[in-house]
Amino acid sequence: MIKNPRSKRILSISLLVLGGVLIFLAPENAWIGTILLVLGLGVEIAGLVIGHRK
């Protein structure tokens, strides 16, 4: 796991931004939209977990 707090914070913020972009760009009525939404949520959760671990 990443020990450096600065690197961990940068990774966490970038994952949160990437997840938000994926969720924002997901179309409403297609399977790809559902896949992008789930992928975006997974990236958001990963970013939160990395950011809160001590």
N, C-alpha and C. Protein backbone atom coordinates (compact mmCIF):
# COMPACT_ATOMS: atom_id res chain seq x y z
N MET A 1 0.84 -1.18 0.00
CA MET A 1 0.00 0.00 0.00
C MET A 1 0.88 1.24 0.00
N ILE A 2 0.30 2.34 -0.34
CA ILE A 2 1.05 3.60 -0.42
C ILE A 2 1.24 4.17 0.98
N LYS A 3 2.48 4.48 1.33
CA LYS A 3 2.80 5.00 2.66
C LYS A 3 2.83 6.53 2.69
N ASN A 4 3.23 7.15 1.57
CA ASN A 4 3.36 8.59 1.52
C ASN A 4 1.98 9.26 1.51
N PRO A 5 1.67 10.10 2.51
CA PRO A 5 0.34 10.72 2.58
C PRO A 5 0.03 11.64 1.40
N ARG A 6 1.05 12.31 0.88
CA ARG A 6 0.82 13.21 -0.25
C ARG A 6 0.44 12.42 -1.50
N SER A 7 1.15 11.34 -1.77
CA SER A 7 0.83 10.49 -2.92
C SER A 7 -0.54 9.86 -2.77
N LYS A 8 -0.85 9.44 -1.56
CA LYS A 8 -2.15 8.83 -1.30
C LYS A 8 -3.28 9.83 -1.54
N ARG A 9 -3.08 11.07 -1.12
CA ARG A 9 -4.09 12.11 -1.30
C ARG A 9 -4.27 12.43 -2.78
N ILE A 10 -3.17 12.52 -3.52
CA ILE A 10 -3.26 12.81 -4.96
C ILE A 10 -3.97 11.67 -5.69
N LEU A 11 -3.64 10.43 -5.36
CA LEU A 11 -4.29 9.27 -5.98
C LEU A 11 -5.78 9.25 -5.64
N SER A 12 -6.11 9.51 -4.40
CA SER A 12 -7.51 9.51 -3.97
C SER A 12 -8.32 10.57 -4.70
N ILE A 13 -7.78 11.77 -4.80
CA ILE A 13 -8.50 12.85 -5.47
C ILE A 13 -8.65 12.56 -6.96
N SER A 14 -7.60 12.03 -7.58
CA SER A 14 -7.70 11.73 -9.01
C SER A 14 -8.71 10.61 -9.27
N LEU A 15 -8.78 9.62 -8.39
CA LEU A 15 -9.78 8.56 -8.55
C LEU A 15 -11.19 9.10 -8.36
N LEU A 16 -11.38 10.00 -7.42
CA LEU A 16 -12.70 10.59 -7.22
C LEU A 16 -13.12 11.41 -8.44
N VAL A 17 -12.19 12.17 -9.00
CA VAL A 17 -12.51 12.96 -10.19
C VAL A 17 -12.82 12.05 -11.37
N LEU A 18 -12.02 11.01 -11.56
CA LEU A 18 -12.26 10.07 -12.65
C LEU A 18 -13.62 9.39 -12.51
N GLY A 19 -13.96 8.97 -11.30
CA GLY A 19 -15.27 8.36 -11.06
C GLY A 19 -16.41 9.32 -11.34
N GLY A 20 -16.25 10.56 -10.93
CA GLY A 20 -17.28 11.56 -11.20
C GLY A 20 -17.47 11.81 -12.69
N VAL A 21 -16.37 11.85 -13.44
CA VAL A 21 -16.45 12.05 -14.89
C VAL A 21 -17.14 10.86 -15.54
N LEU A 22 -16.80 9.65 -15.11
CA LEU A 22 -17.45 8.46 -15.69
C LEU A 22 -18.94 8.46 -15.40
N ILE A 23 -19.33 8.83 -14.19
CA ILE A 23 -20.75 8.88 -13.85
C ILE A 23 -21.45 9.98 -14.66
N PHE A 24 -20.80 11.12 -14.82
CA PHE A 24 -21.39 12.24 -15.55
C PHE A 24 -21.58 11.90 -17.03
N LEU A 25 -20.64 11.18 -17.63
CA LEU A 25 -20.69 10.89 -19.05
C LEU A 25 -21.52 9.66 -19.41
N ALA A 26 -22.02 8.94 -18.42
CA ALA A 26 -22.77 7.71 -18.70
C ALA A 26 -24.12 8.06 -19.34
N PRO A 27 -24.40 7.51 -20.53
CA PRO A 27 -25.71 7.75 -21.16
C PRO A 27 -26.81 7.02 -20.40
N GLU A 28 -28.04 7.52 -20.54
CA GLU A 28 -29.15 6.99 -19.73
C GLU A 28 -29.73 5.68 -20.25
N ASN A 29 -29.81 5.51 -21.55
CA ASN A 29 -30.63 4.42 -22.08
C ASN A 29 -29.84 3.31 -22.78
N ALA A 30 -28.62 3.08 -22.40
CA ALA A 30 -27.84 2.05 -23.07
C ALA A 30 -27.11 1.20 -22.02
N TRP A 31 -26.74 0.00 -22.42
CA TRP A 31 -25.99 -0.88 -21.52
C TRP A 31 -24.65 -0.27 -21.16
N ILE A 32 -24.06 0.44 -22.10
CA ILE A 32 -22.76 1.06 -21.82
C ILE A 32 -22.90 2.11 -20.72
N GLY A 33 -24.06 2.74 -20.65
CA GLY A 33 -24.32 3.70 -19.57
C GLY A 33 -24.32 3.03 -18.21
N THR A 34 -24.93 1.87 -18.13
CA THR A 34 -24.96 1.12 -16.88
C THR A 34 -23.55 0.67 -16.50
N ILE A 35 -22.81 0.21 -17.48
CA ILE A 35 -21.44 -0.24 -17.20
C ILE A 35 -20.58 0.94 -16.74
N LEU A 36 -20.69 2.09 -17.40
CA LEU A 36 -19.93 3.27 -16.99
C LEU A 36 -20.34 3.74 -15.61
N LEU A 37 -21.63 3.67 -15.30
CA LEU A 37 -22.10 4.08 -13.98
C LEU A 37 -21.51 3.19 -12.89
N VAL A 38 -21.55 1.88 -13.09
CA VAL A 38 -21.01 0.96 -12.11
C VAL A 38 -19.48 1.12 -11.99
N LEU A 39 -18.82 1.30 -13.12
CA LEU A 39 -17.38 1.51 -13.10
C LEU A 39 -17.03 2.81 -12.38
N GLY A 40 -17.80 3.85 -12.62
CA GLY A 40 -17.58 5.13 -11.95
C GLY A 40 -17.79 5.02 -10.45
N LEU A 41 -18.84 4.31 -10.04
CA LEU A 41 -19.07 4.11 -8.61
C LEU A 41 -17.94 3.31 -7.96
N GLY A 42 -17.46 2.30 -8.66
CA GLY A 42 -16.35 1.51 -8.14
C GLY A 42 -15.08 2.33 -7.97
N VAL A 43 -14.80 3.20 -8.93
CA VAL A 43 -13.63 4.05 -8.83
C VAL A 43 -13.79 5.05 -7.70
N GLU A 44 -15.00 5.59 -7.54
CA GLU A 44 -15.27 6.52 -6.43
C GLU A 44 -15.05 5.83 -5.08
N ILE A 45 -15.55 4.63 -4.94
CA ILE A 45 -15.40 3.90 -3.68
C ILE A 45 -13.92 3.60 -3.42
N ALA A 46 -13.19 3.21 -4.46
CA ALA A 46 -11.75 2.95 -4.31
C ALA A 46 -11.02 4.22 -3.86
N GLY A 47 -11.39 5.36 -4.43
CA GLY A 47 -10.77 6.62 -4.03
C GLY A 47 -11.06 6.96 -2.58
N LEU A 48 -12.28 6.72 -2.14
CA LEU A 48 -12.63 6.99 -0.75
C LEU A 48 -11.89 6.07 0.21
N VAL A 49 -11.79 4.79 -0.15
CA VAL A 49 -11.09 3.83 0.71
C VAL A 49 -9.62 4.20 0.84
N ILE A 50 -8.99 4.54 -0.29
CA ILE A 50 -7.57 4.92 -0.25
C ILE A 50 -7.38 6.19 0.57
N GLY A 51 -8.31 7.13 0.44
CA GLY A 51 -8.18 8.39 1.17
C GLY A 51 -8.37 8.27 2.67
N HIS A 52 -9.16 7.31 3.12
CA HIS A 52 -9.47 7.20 4.54
C HIS A 52 -8.63 6.18 5.30
N ARG A 53 -7.86 5.35 4.59
CA ARG A 53 -7.00 4.39 5.27
C ARG A 53 -5.84 5.06 5.96
N LYS A 54 -5.49 4.56 7.13
CA LYS A 54 -4.36 5.14 7.86
C LYS A 54 -3.21 4.17 7.91
